[in-house]
């Protein structure tokens, strides 16, 4: 069965998720959200509903369903009673994965909203959010390759960040880049110490934990505006990987907000742009510190272990900044001021993560020793 506007409602009827009365009383609205995959959202008047996802055939592929099929298996595992980790409260409610059709069904909640959108609107970064980020990731990372034999699915290896390849990209990848991205690539390759950092990080990539691998603010969703309960969504690229990438992505996204809100122009001195940023570091620092302390405590790290790990994670935060710069320039012909600044901050962190930890996060010496 192929998902389409004609098949979604019969599919949900067959599974008892909607009733004929819902249809007769015109209580449902169907929206086509398809992009890479077939995605359909069915909503009730109060905003609740269901999201159905189905993979699309790929050229030369032997199976019709790929990432959605895997994501469905992951949701099935994480919601199962025998899963070694207890993470269901951090996920959206799951209504099943149909292996025959490759259809994943998860719940939509009233007032479901992205963390990223709320941060842009309110210019506030609640400590309670960062605490939830930390607890979600700490529980996720408790699942390790040593648990593989206990699982009813085969966990894939999560792909290492593609940004590692910018140290030495192949020609095919190079010609697929926008003109602005090619300019940035040239700067990276001309900066020998930067490519050395990228190559060293790629060589040190570990597969010691189950990771989400795409921990951006877009993938943290507020499920309840009153309690500010947060869920982590989109598990397509999850798998065995390096927890530092998940952790660095959280810290990095805070720093991305700081940089992109600077009023950057050729006529504005850098110091003035930093002073006039809409999202000052000082506003974010309490949330970043709470994130790190909560994660360290949940993982059982002592102060020395926490400090050592933070220095290592900061380089992955720098990697997230570089990734954000590339994302900003996907279709651009020239590098923007924000992209240049993201690269510069990323480079500075790579060069001296200890100093960056103190100057950017305001983590004082006592916390790092």
Protein backbone atom coordinates (compact mmCIF):
# COMPACT_ATOMS: atom_id res chain seq x y z
CA UNK A 1 0.00 0.00 0.00
CA UNK A 2 1.24 3.46 -0.92
CA UNK A 3 0.28 6.37 1.33
CA UNK A 4 -1.80 9.00 -0.45
CA UNK A 5 -4.72 11.31 0.41
CA UNK A 6 -7.02 8.45 -0.66
CA UNK A 7 -5.43 5.77 1.54
CA UNK A 8 -4.56 7.53 4.82
CA UNK A 9 -8.09 7.66 6.25
CA UNK A 10 -8.97 4.03 5.37
CA UNK A 11 -5.65 2.95 6.89
CA UNK A 12 -6.40 4.69 10.20
CA UNK A 13 -9.96 3.38 10.19
CA UNK A 14 -8.72 -0.20 9.81
CA UNK A 15 -6.51 0.27 12.87
CA UNK A 16 -9.20 1.83 15.02
CA UNK A 17 -7.35 5.13 15.39
CA UNK A 18 -10.26 7.12 13.97
CA UNK A 19 -13.99 6.35 13.72
CA UNK A 20 -16.61 6.81 10.99
CA UNK A 21 -18.18 9.47 13.20
CA UNK A 22 -14.95 11.52 12.97
CA UNK A 23 -15.38 11.52 9.20
CA UNK A 24 -19.14 12.18 9.12
CA UNK A 25 -18.85 15.08 11.54
CA UNK A 26 -15.94 16.48 9.52
CA UNK A 27 -13.74 16.47 12.63
CA UNK A 28 -10.49 15.68 10.85
CA UNK A 29 -8.11 17.59 8.62
CA UNK A 30 -5.52 15.89 6.40
CA UNK A 31 -2.30 17.63 5.36
CA UNK A 32 0.35 16.38 2.93
CA UNK A 33 3.79 17.11 4.45
CA UNK A 34 5.76 14.92 2.05
CA UNK A 35 9.33 15.78 1.15
CA UNK A 36 11.99 13.03 1.11
CA UNK A 37 9.39 10.59 2.42
CA UNK A 38 5.62 10.36 2.21
CA UNK A 39 4.39 12.21 5.29
CA UNK A 40 0.74 12.86 6.14
CA UNK A 41 -0.65 14.60 9.22
CA UNK A 42 -4.22 13.97 10.30
CA UNK A 43 -5.44 16.38 12.97
CA UNK A 44 -8.54 16.83 15.13
CA UNK A 45 -9.99 20.26 16.09
CA UNK A 46 -7.94 20.36 19.33
CA UNK A 47 -4.68 19.94 17.39
CA UNK A 48 -4.08 16.32 18.35
CA UNK A 49 -3.82 13.64 15.69
CA UNK A 50 -1.42 11.30 13.92
CA UNK A 51 1.64 11.58 11.72
CA UNK A 52 2.12 8.81 9.17
CA UNK A 53 5.48 8.34 7.45
CA UNK A 54 6.44 6.01 4.62
CA UNK A 55 9.70 5.75 2.74
CA UNK A 56 10.03 6.40 -0.97
CA UNK A 57 11.79 4.04 -3.38
CA UNK A 58 15.34 5.04 -4.27
CA UNK A 59 17.14 4.44 -7.54
CA UNK A 60 18.95 1.13 -7.53
CA UNK A 61 17.57 0.19 -4.13
CA UNK A 62 16.49 -3.36 -3.41
CA UNK A 63 13.91 -2.35 -0.82
CA UNK A 64 11.17 0.23 -0.99
CA UNK A 65 11.57 1.48 2.57
CA UNK A 66 14.86 2.61 4.08
CA UNK A 67 15.27 5.28 6.73
CA UNK A 68 11.59 5.31 7.71
CA UNK A 69 11.66 1.53 8.05
CA UNK A 70 14.67 1.75 10.33
CA UNK A 71 13.14 4.62 12.33
CA UNK A 72 10.01 2.51 12.79
CA UNK A 73 12.08 -0.36 14.15
CA UNK A 74 13.87 2.03 16.52
CA UNK A 75 10.58 3.46 17.82
CA UNK A 76 9.32 -0.10 18.29
CA UNK A 77 12.43 -0.99 20.29
CA UNK A 78 12.46 2.13 22.47
CA UNK A 79 8.76 1.73 23.32
CA UNK A 80 9.02 -1.98 24.07
CA UNK A 81 8.78 -3.29 27.64
CA UNK A 82 12.05 -5.21 27.33
CA UNK A 83 14.12 -2.25 26.10
CA UNK A 84 17.23 -1.91 28.36
CA UNK A 85 16.68 1.85 28.67
CA UNK A 86 13.60 3.69 29.90
CA UNK A 87 13.16 6.49 27.41
CA UNK A 88 9.49 6.29 26.47
CA UNK A 89 8.59 9.42 28.45
CA UNK A 90 11.05 11.39 26.30
CA UNK A 91 9.47 10.24 23.01
CA UNK A 92 6.22 11.02 21.24
CA UNK A 93 3.53 8.33 21.70
CA UNK A 94 4.00 5.51 19.22
CA UNK A 95 1.08 3.85 17.41
CA UNK A 96 2.94 1.17 15.57
CA UNK A 97 5.15 0.34 12.64
CA UNK A 98 3.68 -1.79 9.86
CA UNK A 99 6.55 -3.86 8.46
CA UNK A 100 4.49 -4.99 5.47
CA UNK A 101 3.70 -1.50 4.22
CA UNK A 102 6.61 0.36 5.84
CA UNK A 103 4.25 2.84 7.51
CA UNK A 104 5.24 4.45 10.81
CA UNK A 105 2.48 6.05 12.88
CA UNK A 106 3.21 8.40 15.77
CA UNK A 107 1.02 10.80 17.68
CA UNK A 108 0.63 14.52 17.12
CA UNK A 109 -0.11 16.51 20.24
CA UNK A 110 -2.05 19.76 20.70
CA UNK A 111 0.23 22.83 20.60
CA UNK A 112 3.16 20.68 19.47
CA UNK A 113 5.93 23.18 18.74
CA UNK A 114 9.64 23.23 17.99
CA UNK A 115 12.01 24.45 20.67
CA UNK A 116 13.85 26.41 18.00
CA UNK A 117 10.72 28.35 17.04
CA UNK A 118 9.96 29.22 20.66
CA UNK A 119 13.52 30.42 21.26
CA UNK A 120 13.37 32.71 18.24
CA UNK A 121 10.04 34.15 19.34
CA UNK A 122 10.78 34.63 23.04
CA UNK A 123 14.56 35.10 23.10
CA UNK A 124 14.59 33.00 26.27
CA UNK A 125 16.45 29.74 26.95
CA UNK A 126 14.83 28.03 29.94
CA UNK A 127 17.08 26.01 32.23
CA UNK A 128 14.30 23.43 32.53
CA UNK A 129 14.60 22.74 28.80
CA UNK A 130 18.33 22.10 28.99
CA UNK A 131 17.76 19.84 31.99
CA UNK A 132 15.36 17.77 29.90
CA UNK A 133 17.83 17.67 27.00
CA UNK A 134 20.43 16.26 29.37
CA UNK A 135 18.20 13.62 30.94
CA UNK A 136 16.96 12.45 27.54
CA UNK A 137 20.47 12.05 26.14
CA UNK A 138 21.88 10.49 29.30
CA UNK A 139 19.21 7.77 29.14
CA UNK A 140 19.68 7.32 25.39
CA UNK A 141 23.44 6.88 25.79
CA UNK A 142 22.99 4.19 28.44
CA UNK A 143 22.23 1.77 25.60
CA UNK A 144 25.59 0.40 24.47
CA UNK A 145 26.85 -2.16 21.94
CA UNK A 146 27.21 -4.59 24.86
CA UNK A 147 23.38 -4.67 24.94
CA UNK A 148 23.11 -5.68 21.26
CA UNK A 149 22.34 -9.34 22.00
CA UNK A 150 19.35 -8.33 24.15
CA UNK A 151 17.65 -6.35 21.38
CA UNK A 152 15.04 -7.62 18.94
CA UNK A 153 16.36 -5.40 16.13
CA UNK A 154 19.80 -4.81 14.69
CA UNK A 155 21.00 -1.32 15.55
CA UNK A 156 22.88 0.28 12.67
CA UNK A 157 26.10 2.22 12.92
CA UNK A 158 25.20 5.88 13.00
CA UNK A 159 27.06 7.69 10.21
CA UNK A 160 29.88 9.95 11.34
CA UNK A 161 29.16 13.64 10.62
CA UNK A 162 29.57 14.31 6.90
CA UNK A 163 31.38 17.52 7.81
CA UNK A 164 34.48 15.41 8.52
CA UNK A 165 34.81 15.02 4.77
CA UNK A 166 35.40 18.73 4.30
CA UNK A 167 39.03 18.13 5.18
CA UNK A 168 39.47 16.25 1.91
CA UNK A 169 36.24 15.96 -0.14
CA UNK A 170 35.92 13.90 -3.30
CA UNK A 171 35.21 15.66 -6.61
CA UNK A 172 31.62 14.45 -6.78
CA UNK A 173 30.84 15.97 -3.37
CA UNK A 174 32.66 19.19 -4.28
CA UNK A 175 30.63 19.84 -7.44
CA UNK A 176 27.36 19.31 -5.56
CA UNK A 177 28.18 22.20 -3.22
CA UNK A 178 26.86 25.72 -3.72
CA UNK A 179 29.30 28.42 -4.76
CA UNK A 180 29.34 29.80 -1.21
CA UNK A 181 30.02 26.34 0.26
CA UNK A 182 32.89 25.88 -2.17
CA UNK A 183 34.36 29.17 -0.92
CA UNK A 184 34.17 27.94 2.67
CA UNK A 185 35.69 24.63 1.67
CA UNK A 186 38.61 26.51 0.17
CA UNK A 187 39.14 28.41 3.43
CA UNK A 188 39.05 25.17 5.43
CA UNK A 189 41.59 23.49 3.19
CA UNK A 190 43.86 26.52 3.31
CA UNK A 191 43.75 26.41 7.11
CA UNK A 192 46.04 23.45 7.73
CA UNK A 193 45.44 23.24 11.47
CA UNK A 194 41.67 23.08 10.90
CA UNK A 195 41.90 20.10 8.53
CA UNK A 196 44.23 18.44 11.03
CA UNK A 197 41.56 18.83 13.72
CA UNK A 198 38.88 17.37 11.42
CA UNK A 199 41.08 14.40 10.50
CA UNK A 200 42.00 13.77 14.14
CA UNK A 201 38.34 13.86 15.20
CA UNK A 202 37.34 11.48 12.44
CA UNK A 203 40.11 9.07 13.48
CA UNK A 204 38.89 9.30 17.10
CA UNK A 205 35.21 8.72 16.23
CA UNK A 206 33.81 6.08 18.60
CA UNK A 207 30.89 3.67 18.48
CA UNK A 208 30.43 3.27 22.21
CA UNK A 209 26.81 4.39 22.70
CA UNK A 210 23.41 4.53 21.09
CA UNK A 211 23.10 8.11 19.80
CA UNK A 212 20.39 10.17 18.12
CA UNK A 213 22.93 11.76 15.77
CA UNK A 214 20.76 14.72 14.69
CA UNK A 215 20.28 16.62 17.94
CA UNK A 216 19.30 20.05 16.66
CA UNK A 217 16.81 22.41 18.26
CA UNK A 218 14.47 21.57 15.35
CA UNK A 219 14.24 18.01 16.68
CA UNK A 220 13.29 18.95 20.24
CA UNK A 221 9.52 19.46 20.37
CA UNK A 222 7.44 20.98 23.16
CA UNK A 223 4.52 18.61 23.65
CA UNK A 224 2.80 20.56 26.42
CA UNK A 225 3.03 24.39 26.54
CA UNK A 226 1.93 24.50 30.18
CA UNK A 227 4.41 21.99 31.60
CA UNK A 228 7.01 22.65 28.85
CA UNK A 229 7.49 18.91 28.48
CA UNK A 230 9.92 18.17 25.65
CA UNK A 231 10.19 15.20 23.29
CA UNK A 232 13.08 14.19 21.03
CA UNK A 233 11.85 13.38 17.51
CA UNK A 234 13.22 12.06 14.17
CA UNK A 235 15.32 8.97 14.93
CA UNK A 236 16.16 8.07 11.32
CA UNK A 237 19.94 8.39 11.73
CA UNK A 238 20.21 7.00 15.26
CA UNK A 239 22.54 4.11 15.97
CA UNK A 240 25.87 3.14 17.51
CA UNK A 241 28.07 6.21 17.52
CA UNK A 242 29.96 8.82 19.49
CA UNK A 243 27.96 10.43 22.32
CA UNK A 244 30.18 13.50 22.05
CA UNK A 245 28.44 14.38 18.78
CA UNK A 246 25.02 14.47 20.46
CA UNK A 247 26.36 16.52 23.36
CA UNK A 248 28.37 18.88 21.19
CA UNK A 249 25.33 19.44 18.98
CA UNK A 250 23.30 20.73 21.94
CA UNK A 251 26.01 23.13 23.09
CA UNK A 252 26.75 24.07 19.50
CA UNK A 253 23.14 24.99 18.74
CA UNK A 254 23.10 27.49 21.60
CA UNK A 255 26.23 29.07 20.13
CA UNK A 256 24.67 29.07 16.65
CA UNK A 257 21.77 31.15 18.02
CA UNK A 258 24.26 33.60 19.47
CA UNK A 259 26.16 34.04 16.20
CA UNK A 260 23.26 34.25 13.75
CA UNK A 261 21.55 36.94 15.82
CA UNK A 262 24.53 39.29 15.53
CA UNK A 263 23.89 42.31 13.26
CA UNK A 264 26.80 41.45 10.98
CA UNK A 265 27.77 43.72 8.10
CA UNK A 266 30.94 45.06 6.60
CA UNK A 267 30.36 48.40 8.29
CA UNK A 268 29.78 46.97 11.78
CA UNK A 269 32.84 46.26 13.95
CA UNK A 270 32.87 42.75 15.41
CA UNK A 271 32.81 44.06 18.99
CA UNK A 272 29.70 46.11 18.23
CA UNK A 273 27.96 43.14 16.61
CA UNK A 274 28.63 41.00 19.70
CA UNK A 275 27.27 43.73 21.98
CA UNK A 276 24.08 44.09 19.91
CA UNK A 277 23.28 40.42 19.42
CA UNK A 278 19.63 39.55 20.04
CA UNK A 279 20.61 36.36 21.87
CA UNK A 280 23.49 37.28 24.22
CA UNK A 281 25.70 34.50 25.54
CA UNK A 282 24.94 35.60 29.08
CA UNK A 283 21.28 34.67 28.58
CA UNK A 284 22.17 31.17 27.35
CA UNK A 285 25.04 30.30 29.67
CA UNK A 286 22.90 29.19 32.64
CA UNK A 287 21.04 26.75 30.38
CA UNK A 288 24.28 25.39 28.89
CA UNK A 289 25.84 24.92 32.31
CA UNK A 290 22.72 23.19 33.62
CA UNK A 291 22.72 20.90 30.60
CA UNK A 292 26.28 19.82 31.25
CA UNK A 293 25.98 19.41 35.01
CA UNK A 294 22.72 17.44 34.70
CA UNK A 295 24.18 15.13 32.06
CA UNK A 296 27.37 14.56 34.07
CA UNK A 297 25.37 13.74 37.20
CA UNK A 298 23.02 11.40 35.35
CA UNK A 299 25.99 9.61 33.79
CA UNK A 300 27.83 9.29 37.11
CA UNK A 301 30.89 11.31 36.14
CA UNK A 302 32.93 12.87 38.91
CA UNK A 303 34.22 16.44 38.53
CA UNK A 304 37.48 15.44 36.89
CA UNK A 305 35.81 13.12 34.38
CA UNK A 306 33.18 15.76 33.62
CA UNK A 307 35.84 18.41 32.98
CA UNK A 308 37.84 16.12 30.70
CA UNK A 309 34.79 15.15 28.70
CA UNK A 310 33.63 18.75 28.34
CA UNK A 311 36.90 19.78 26.68
CA UNK A 312 36.51 16.94 24.19
CA UNK A 313 32.83 17.71 23.59
CA UNK A 314 33.62 21.37 22.85
CA UNK A 315 35.39 20.31 19.65
CA UNK A 316 32.18 18.58 18.58
CA UNK A 317 30.31 21.79 19.39
CA UNK A 318 32.72 23.49 16.99
CA UNK A 319 31.83 20.85 14.42
CA UNK A 320 28.14 21.72 14.83
CA UNK A 321 28.96 25.40 14.18
CA UNK A 322 30.74 24.44 10.97
CA UNK A 323 27.77 22.28 9.97
CA UNK A 324 25.44 25.23 10.60
CA UNK A 325 27.61 27.43 8.36
CA UNK A 326 27.26 24.89 5.54
CA UNK A 327 23.49 24.70 6.06
CA UNK A 328 23.23 28.49 5.81
CA UNK A 329 24.92 28.42 2.39
CA UNK A 330 23.20 25.47 0.72
CA UNK A 331 21.92 27.59 -2.17
CA UNK A 332 23.97 30.78 -1.72
CA UNK A 333 26.46 32.22 -4.22
CA UNK A 334 28.49 34.16 -1.65
CA UNK A 335 29.43 33.56 1.96
CA UNK A 336 27.35 35.55 4.43
CA UNK A 337 28.71 37.36 7.47
CA UNK A 338 27.01 34.81 9.70
CA UNK A 339 28.66 31.89 7.88
CA UNK A 340 32.09 33.51 8.12
CA UNK A 341 31.60 34.17 11.84
CA UNK A 342 30.38 30.63 12.48
CA UNK A 343 33.54 29.33 10.82
CA UNK A 344 35.75 31.70 12.82
CA UNK A 345 34.17 30.75 16.16
CA UNK A 346 34.38 27.07 15.18
CA UNK A 347 38.06 27.47 14.37
CA UNK A 348 38.78 29.29 17.64
CA UNK A 349 37.10 26.52 19.64
CA UNK A 350 39.02 23.83 17.75
CA UNK A 351 42.30 25.60 18.47
CA UNK A 352 41.71 26.09 22.18
CA UNK A 353 38.67 24.26 23.61
CA UNK A 354 39.82 24.92 27.20
CA UNK A 355 39.72 28.67 26.66
CA UNK A 356 36.43 28.44 24.76
CA UNK A 357 34.86 26.54 27.65
CA UNK A 358 35.63 29.39 30.00
CA UNK A 359 35.04 32.39 27.73
CA UNK A 360 31.94 31.14 25.90
CA UNK A 361 30.28 29.00 28.55
CA UNK A 362 31.56 30.91 31.60
CA UNK A 363 32.61 27.64 33.22
CA UNK A 364 35.06 28.90 35.83
CA UNK A 365 38.30 27.18 36.79
CA UNK A 366 36.79 25.45 39.81
CA UNK A 367 34.34 23.65 37.55
CA UNK A 368 37.09 22.46 35.22
CA UNK A 369 39.57 21.17 37.76
